Amino acid sequence: MARSTARDEWRASGIRLLKKMLERPNLSLSAAIANKAIKQYGQVAKPLQLKTVVNLARGCNVILLAGTRFGKSQISELYHNLTPKESKAVVVVLNPLDALGDNQVLEKKQAGFTAINLTKLKFNPMEARKITRGEYNFVYVSPEIFLNSQLFTQLYFLPKFQNRPSLVVVDEAHLIYQWGRVKSKRGRANKKKPLLTNV
């Protein structure tokens, strides 16, 4: 009997990628992703974009440092395209600015994906249920919602939702140190009644 590794366990939970893609060696997988990029964007993907998507597909944690206009958002799109449509996979993107999230949602919609930017004004139990059902391919979350929203905490730890995320992205990661300034209310959240019902 083969011993299971952490990577096997990671693959066994949540979203699985398309088997026909994962069975390919890295060069073949990279070529297949490159072909998808040409079809979707009408241009050749950069070597670092391809390498990043291949490493994500292999279950590796990846830190990518790249400048403006490099095409970082295309990486998560190319990765999302490796998931079976029926899985209703969700890419969760933590971003520091609501305006940035709004712009990225617009870009995703123009690229043919469904997306929402969870802000204090837009995030409510109805949207939480849509997210749980996998109605959005990309979910953008601000630090305030991620750290302080009891509703988001309930959503994130629901078994139904835990089977949806295929990837978690931290955008503008150099700003994470500022997240400590966001006062966390999690200690008090456990004492409140559930906000998310009938999911």
C-alpha atoms as a PDB file:
ATOM      1  CA  MET A   1       0.000   0.000   0.000  1.00  0.00           C
ATOM      2  CA  ALA A   2       1.440   3.357  -0.992  1.00  0.00           C
ATOM      3  CA  ARG A   3       2.029   5.907   1.693  1.00  0.00           C
ATOM      4  CA  SER A   4       0.043   9.087   1.197  1.00  0.00           C
ATOM      5  CA  THR A   5       1.892  12.379   1.129  1.00  0.00           C
ATOM      6  CA  ALA A   6       0.733  15.843   2.138  1.00  0.00           C
ATOM      7  CA  ARG A   7       0.392  16.700  -1.538  1.00  0.00           C
ATOM      8  CA  ASP A   8      -1.877  13.654  -2.115  1.00  0.00           C
ATOM      9  CA  GLU A   9      -4.048  14.715   0.809  1.00  0.00           C
ATOM     10  CA  TRP A  10      -4.203  18.252  -0.564  1.00  0.00           C
ATOM     11  CA  ARG A  11      -5.387  16.917  -3.906  1.00  0.00           C
ATOM     12  CA  ALA A  12      -7.898  14.610  -2.269  1.00  0.00           C
ATOM     13  CA  SER A  13      -9.719  17.506  -0.632  1.00  0.00           C
ATOM     14  CA  GLY A  14     -11.507  20.348  -2.331  1.00  0.00           C
ATOM     15  CA  ILE A  15     -11.230  20.935  -6.065  1.00  0.00           C
ATOM     16  CA  ARG A  16      -9.321  18.578  -8.308  1.00  0.00           C
ATOM     17  CA  LEU A  17      -7.819  19.730 -11.561  1.00  0.00           C
ATOM     18  CA  LEU A  18      -8.603  18.095 -14.878  1.00  0.00           C
ATOM     19  CA  LYS A  19      -7.048  14.627 -14.727  1.00  0.00           C
ATOM     20  CA  LYS A  20      -6.015  14.686 -18.391  1.00  0.00           C
ATOM     21  CA  MET A  21      -3.962  17.811 -17.675  1.00  0.00           C
ATOM     22  CA  LEU A  22      -2.379  16.617 -14.439  1.00  0.00           C
ATOM     23  CA  GLU A  23      -1.203  13.354 -15.966  1.00  0.00           C
ATOM     24  CA  ARG A  24       1.016  15.244 -18.408  1.00  0.00           C
ATOM     25  CA  PRO A  25       4.699  15.857 -17.733  1.00  0.00           C
ATOM     26  CA  ASN A  26       5.588  19.483 -16.964  1.00  0.00           C
ATOM     27  CA  LEU A  27       6.635  20.408 -20.516  1.00  0.00           C
ATOM     28  CA  SER A  28       3.467  18.959 -22.015  1.00  0.00           C
ATOM     29  CA  LEU A  29       1.314  20.615 -19.339  1.00  0.00           C
ATOM     30  CA  SER A  30       3.062  23.922 -19.991  1.00  0.00           C
ATOM     31  CA  ALA A  31       2.439  23.576 -23.747  1.00  0.00           C
ATOM     32  CA  ALA A  32      -1.255  22.810 -23.159  1.00  0.00           C
ATOM     33  CA  ILE A  33      -1.606  25.862 -20.904  1.00  0.00           C
ATOM     34  CA  ALA A  34       0.211  27.975 -23.516  1.00  0.00           C
ATOM     35  CA  ASN A  35      -2.274  26.833 -26.172  1.00  0.00           C
ATOM     36  CA  LYS A  36      -5.199  27.756 -23.907  1.00  0.00           C
ATOM     37  CA  ALA A  37      -3.620  31.184 -23.340  1.00  0.00           C
ATOM     38  CA  ILE A  38      -3.349  31.813 -27.075  1.00  0.00           C
ATOM     39  CA  LYS A  39      -7.003  30.825 -27.578  1.00  0.00           C
ATOM     40  CA  GLN A  40      -8.234  32.938 -24.664  1.00  0.00           C
ATOM     41  CA  TYR A  41      -6.025  36.029 -24.934  1.00  0.00           C
ATOM     42  CA  GLY A  42      -4.785  35.949 -28.515  1.00  0.00           C
ATOM     43  CA  GLN A  43      -1.187  36.148 -27.342  1.00  0.00           C
ATOM     44  CA  VAL A  44       1.587  33.897 -26.116  1.00  0.00           C
ATOM     45  CA  ALA A  45       1.868  33.477 -22.345  1.00  0.00           C
ATOM     46  CA  LYS A  46       5.134  34.529 -20.738  1.00  0.00           C
ATOM     47  CA  PRO A  47       7.450  31.701 -19.585  1.00  0.00           C
ATOM     48  CA  LEU A  48       7.121  32.794 -15.939  1.00  0.00           C
ATOM     49  CA  GLN A  49       3.318  32.767 -16.220  1.00  0.00           C
ATOM     50  CA  LEU A  50       3.437  29.194 -17.523  1.00  0.00           C
ATOM     51  CA  LYS A  51       5.941  28.073 -14.892  1.00  0.00           C
ATOM     52  CA  THR A  52       3.762  29.577 -12.159  1.00  0.00           C
ATOM     53  CA  VAL A  53       0.587  27.845 -13.381  1.00  0.00           C
ATOM     54  CA  VAL A  54       2.409  24.498 -13.712  1.00  0.00           C
ATOM     55  CA  ASN A  55       3.765  24.797 -10.162  1.00  0.00           C
ATOM     56  CA  LEU A  56       0.296  25.653  -8.827  1.00  0.00           C
ATOM     57  CA  ALA A  57      -1.140  22.665 -10.709  1.00  0.00           C
ATOM     58  CA  ARG A  58       1.472  20.449  -9.047  1.00  0.00           C
ATOM     59  CA  GLY A  59       0.291  21.621  -5.620  1.00  0.00           C
ATOM     60  CA  CYS A  60       3.187  23.945  -4.843  1.00  0.00           C
ATOM     61  CA  ASN A  61       2.843  27.168  -2.903  1.00  0.00           C
ATOM     62  CA  VAL A  62       4.062  29.982  -5.132  1.00  0.00           C
ATOM     63  CA  ILE A  63       5.245  33.515  -4.440  1.00  0.00           C
ATOM     64  CA  LEU A  64       5.411  35.615  -7.588  1.00  0.00           C
ATOM     65  CA  LEU A  65       7.022  39.028  -7.607  1.00  0.00           C
ATOM     66  CA  ALA A  66       6.282  40.771 -10.896  1.00  0.00           C
ATOM     67  CA  GLY A  67       5.709  44.329 -11.996  1.00  0.00           C
ATOM     68  CA  THR A  68       2.654  46.148 -13.248  1.00  0.00           C
ATOM     69  CA  ARG A  69       1.336  44.913 -16.612  1.00  0.00           C
ATOM     70  CA  PHE A  70       3.169  41.577 -16.269  1.00  0.00           C
ATOM     71  CA  GLY A  71      -0.114  39.664 -16.487  1.00  0.00           C
ATOM     72  CA  LYS A  72      -0.372  38.317 -12.940  1.00  0.00           C
ATOM     73  CA  SER A  73      -4.171  38.175 -13.088  1.00  0.00           C
ATOM     74  CA  GLN A  74      -3.971  35.933 -16.159  1.00  0.00           C
ATOM     75  CA  ILE A  75      -2.156  33.350 -14.027  1.00  0.00           C
ATOM     76  CA  SER A  76      -5.186  32.759 -11.813  1.00  0.00           C
ATOM     77  CA  GLU A  77      -7.425  32.674 -14.896  1.00  0.00           C
ATOM     78  CA  LEU A  78      -5.236  30.084 -16.623  1.00  0.00           C
ATOM     79  CA  TYR A  79      -5.154  28.035 -13.433  1.00  0.00           C
ATOM     80  CA  HIS A  80      -8.940  28.291 -13.047  1.00  0.00           C
ATOM     81  CA  ASN A  81      -9.324  26.946 -16.585  1.00  0.00           C
ATOM     82  CA  LEU A  82      -7.654  23.711 -15.415  1.00  0.00           C
ATOM     83  CA  THR A  83     -10.599  22.966 -13.112  1.00  0.00           C
ATOM     84  CA  PRO A  84     -13.632  21.016 -14.331  1.00  0.00           C
ATOM     85  CA  LYS A  85     -16.561  23.381 -14.971  1.00  0.00           C
ATOM     86  CA  GLU A  86     -18.972  21.190 -13.004  1.00  0.00           C
ATOM     87  CA  SER A  87     -16.854  21.609  -9.840  1.00  0.00           C
ATOM     88  CA  LYS A  88     -17.802  25.315  -9.681  1.00  0.00           C
ATOM     89  CA  ALA A  89     -14.330  26.120  -8.397  1.00  0.00           C
ATOM     90  CA  VAL A  90     -13.691  29.466  -6.730  1.00  0.00           C
ATOM     91  CA  VAL A  91     -10.469  31.478  -6.716  1.00  0.00           C
ATOM     92  CA  VAL A  92     -10.352  33.578  -3.534  1.00  0.00           C
ATOM     93  CA  VAL A  93      -8.290  36.754  -3.931  1.00  0.00           C
ATOM     94  CA  LEU A  94      -7.318  38.831  -0.905  1.00  0.00           C
ATOM     95  CA  ASN A  95      -6.725  42.408  -1.999  1.00  0.00           C
ATOM     96  CA  PRO A  96      -6.005  45.530   0.031  1.00  0.00           C
ATOM     97  CA  LEU A  97      -8.199  48.067  -1.762  1.00  0.00           C
ATOM     98  CA  ASP A  98     -11.904  48.020  -2.639  1.00  0.00           C
ATOM     99  CA  ALA A  99     -11.251  50.032  -5.813  1.00  0.00           C
ATOM    100  CA  LEU A 100      -8.639  47.493  -6.930  1.00  0.00           C
ATOM    101  CA  GLY A 101     -11.138  44.682  -6.357  1.00  0.00           C
ATOM    102  CA  ASP A 102     -13.799  46.521  -8.369  1.00  0.00           C
ATOM    103  CA  ASN A 103     -11.356  46.922 -11.284  1.00  0.00           C
ATOM    104  CA  GLN A 104     -10.378  43.252 -11.143  1.00  0.00           C
ATOM    105  CA  VAL A 105     -14.019  42.137 -11.078  1.00  0.00           C
ATOM    106  CA  LEU A 106     -14.622  44.196 -14.225  1.00  0.00           C
ATOM    107  CA  GLU A 107     -11.569  42.592 -15.899  1.00  0.00           C
ATOM    108  CA  LYS A 108     -12.750  39.094 -14.968  1.00  0.00           C
ATOM    109  CA  LYS A 109     -16.231  39.737 -16.331  1.00  0.00           C
ATOM    110  CA  GLN A 110     -14.736  41.030 -19.592  1.00  0.00           C
ATOM    111  CA  ALA A 111     -12.669  37.821 -19.779  1.00  0.00           C
ATOM    112  CA  GLY A 112     -15.837  35.706 -19.424  1.00  0.00           C
ATOM    113  CA  PHE A 113     -15.636  34.805 -15.722  1.00  0.00           C
ATOM    114  CA  THR A 114     -18.080  35.522 -12.913  1.00  0.00           C
ATOM    115  CA  ALA A 115     -16.687  37.588 -10.046  1.00  0.00           C
ATOM    116  CA  ILE A 116     -17.631  39.632  -6.996  1.00  0.00           C
ATOM    117  CA  ASN A 117     -15.742  42.075  -4.804  1.00  0.00           C
ATOM    118  CA  LEU A 118     -16.826  41.584  -1.188  1.00  0.00           C
ATOM    119  CA  THR A 119     -17.029  44.984   0.443  1.00  0.00           C
ATOM    120  CA  LYS A 120     -19.014  46.099   3.470  1.00  0.00           C
ATOM    121  CA  LEU A 121     -21.677  47.471   1.133  1.00  0.00           C
ATOM    122  CA  LYS A 122     -21.973  44.394  -1.108  1.00  0.00           C
ATOM    123  CA  PHE A 123     -21.462  41.458   1.257  1.00  0.00           C
ATOM    124  CA  ASN A 124     -24.665  40.110   2.754  1.00  0.00           C
ATOM    125  CA  PRO A 125     -26.246  36.694   3.456  1.00  0.00           C
ATOM    126  CA  MET A 126     -27.723  36.512  -0.068  1.00  0.00           C
ATOM    127  CA  GLU A 127     -24.282  36.980  -1.675  1.00  0.00           C
ATOM    128  CA  ALA A 128     -22.789  34.514   0.815  1.00  0.00           C
ATOM    129  CA  ARG A 129     -25.276  31.868  -0.344  1.00  0.00           C
ATOM    130  CA  LYS A 130     -24.388  32.558  -4.000  1.00  0.00           C
ATOM    131  CA  ILE A 131     -20.703  32.129  -3.173  1.00  0.00           C
ATOM    132  CA  THR A 132     -21.434  28.877  -1.343  1.00  0.00           C
ATOM    133  CA  ARG A 133     -23.277  27.567  -4.421  1.00  0.00           C
ATOM    134  CA  GLY A 134     -20.279  28.392  -6.625  1.00  0.00           C
ATOM    135  CA  GLU A 135     -21.980  31.123  -8.637  1.00  0.00           C
ATOM    136  CA  TYR A 136     -18.757  33.172  -8.748  1.00  0.00           C
ATOM    137  CA  ASN A 137     -15.470  31.978 -10.278  1.00  0.00           C
ATOM    138  CA  PHE A 138     -13.498  34.716  -8.503  1.00  0.00           C
ATOM    139  CA  VAL A 139     -14.222  36.165  -5.064  1.00  0.00           C
ATOM    140  CA  TYR A 140     -12.253  39.290  -4.087  1.00  0.00           C
ATOM    141  CA  VAL A 141     -12.027  39.946  -0.360  1.00  0.00           C
ATOM    142  CA  SER A 142     -10.732  43.017   1.466  1.00  0.00           C
ATOM    143  CA  PRO A 143      -8.703  42.652   4.690  1.00  0.00           C
ATOM    144  CA  GLU A 144     -11.603  44.185   6.638  1.00  0.00           C
ATOM    145  CA  ILE A 145     -14.032  41.510   5.442  1.00  0.00           C
ATOM    146  CA  PHE A 146     -11.462  38.718   5.739  1.00  0.00           C
ATOM    147  CA  LEU A 147     -10.404  39.633   9.278  1.00  0.00           C
ATOM    148  CA  ASN A 148     -13.529  41.169  10.814  1.00  0.00           C
ATOM    149  CA  SER A 149     -16.668  39.839   9.140  1.00  0.00           C
ATOM    150  CA  GLN A 150     -18.505  37.220  11.157  1.00  0.00           C
ATOM    151  CA  LEU A 151     -20.510  36.390   8.027  1.00  0.00           C
ATOM    152  CA  PHE A 152     -17.339  35.758   6.001  1.00  0.00           C
ATOM    153  CA  THR A 153     -15.889  33.603   8.789  1.00  0.00           C
ATOM    154  CA  GLN A 154     -19.063  31.498   8.803  1.00  0.00           C
ATOM    155  CA  LEU A 155     -19.044  31.253   5.004  1.00  0.00           C
ATOM    156  CA  TYR A 156     -15.375  30.328   4.762  1.00  0.00           C
ATOM    157  CA  PHE A 157     -15.625  27.446   7.227  1.00  0.00           C
ATOM    158  CA  LEU A 158     -18.853  25.945   5.859  1.00  0.00           C
ATOM    159  CA  PRO A 159     -18.173  22.421   4.530  1.00  0.00           C
ATOM    160  CA  LYS A 160     -20.053  23.354   1.312  1.00  0.00           C
ATOM    161  CA  PHE A 161     -17.683  26.264   0.733  1.00  0.00           C
ATOM    162  CA  GLN A 162     -14.539  24.388   1.755  1.00  0.00           C
ATOM    163  CA  ASN A 163     -15.028  22.166  -1.298  1.00  0.00           C
ATOM    164  CA  ARG A 164     -15.004  25.172  -3.657  1.00  0.00           C
ATOM    165  CA  PRO A 165     -11.669  27.054  -3.395  1.00  0.00           C
ATOM    166  CA  SER A 166      -9.175  25.914  -5.995  1.00  0.00           C
ATOM    167  CA  LEU A 167      -6.711  28.693  -5.245  1.00  0.00           C
ATOM    168  CA  VAL A 168      -6.155  31.453  -2.692  1.00  0.00           C
ATOM    169  CA  VAL A 169      -4.272  34.484  -3.999  1.00  0.00           C
ATOM    170  CA  VAL A 170      -2.864  37.356  -1.956  1.00  0.00           C
ATOM    171  CA  ASP A 171      -2.703  40.379  -4.244  1.00  0.00           C
ATOM    172  CA  GLU A 172      -0.385  43.267  -3.390  1.00  0.00           C
ATOM    173  CA  ALA A 173       1.200  41.060  -0.713  1.00  0.00           C
ATOM    174  CA  HIS A 174       3.716  43.764   0.186  1.00  0.00           C
ATOM    175  CA  LEU A 175       0.829  45.520   1.969  1.00  0.00           C
ATOM    176  CA  ILE A 176       0.075  42.596   4.308  1.00  0.00           C
ATOM    177  CA  TYR A 177       1.975  44.244   7.165  1.00  0.00           C
ATOM    178  CA  GLN A 178      -0.714  46.948   7.176  1.00  0.00           C
ATOM    179  CA  TRP A 179      -3.413  44.355   7.782  1.00  0.00           C
ATOM    180  CA  GLY A 180      -2.302  44.249  11.407  1.00  0.00           C
ATOM    181  CA  ARG A 181      -3.762  47.727  11.722  1.00  0.00           C
ATOM    182  CA  VAL A 182      -7.211  46.349  10.950  1.00  0.00           C
ATOM    183  CA  LYS A 183      -8.683  45.748  14.370  1.00  0.00           C
ATOM    184  CA  SER A 184      -9.837  42.154  14.591  1.00  0.00           C
ATOM    185  CA  LYS A 185     -13.152  41.376  16.229  1.00  0.00           C
ATOM    186  CA  ARG A 186     -12.836  37.609  15.924  1.00  0.00           C
ATOM    187  CA  GLY A 187     -12.727  37.103  19.686  1.00  0.00           C
ATOM    188  CA  ARG A 188     -16.222  38.548  19.961  1.00  0.00           C
ATOM    189  CA  ALA A 189     -17.547  36.862  16.818  1.00  0.00           C
ATOM    190  CA  ASN A 190     -18.032  33.490  18.508  1.00  0.00           C
ATOM    191  CA  LYS A 191     -20.521  34.991  20.977  1.00  0.00           C
ATOM    192  CA  LYS A 192     -22.888  36.235  18.267  1.00  0.00           C
ATOM    193  CA  LYS A 193     -25.686  34.273  16.639  1.00  0.00           C
ATOM    194  CA  PRO A 194     -25.126  32.787  13.171  1.00  0.00           C
ATOM    195  CA  LEU A 195     -25.720  35.185  10.275  1.00  0.00           C
ATOM    196  CA  LEU A 196     -25.686  32.619   7.498  1.00  0.00           C
ATOM    197  CA  THR A 197     -28.617  30.205   7.438  1.00  0.00           C
ATOM    198  CA  ASN A 198     -30.303  27.997   4.850  1.00  0.00           C
ATOM    199  CA  VAL A 199     -27.217  27.312   2.728  1.00  0.00           C
END
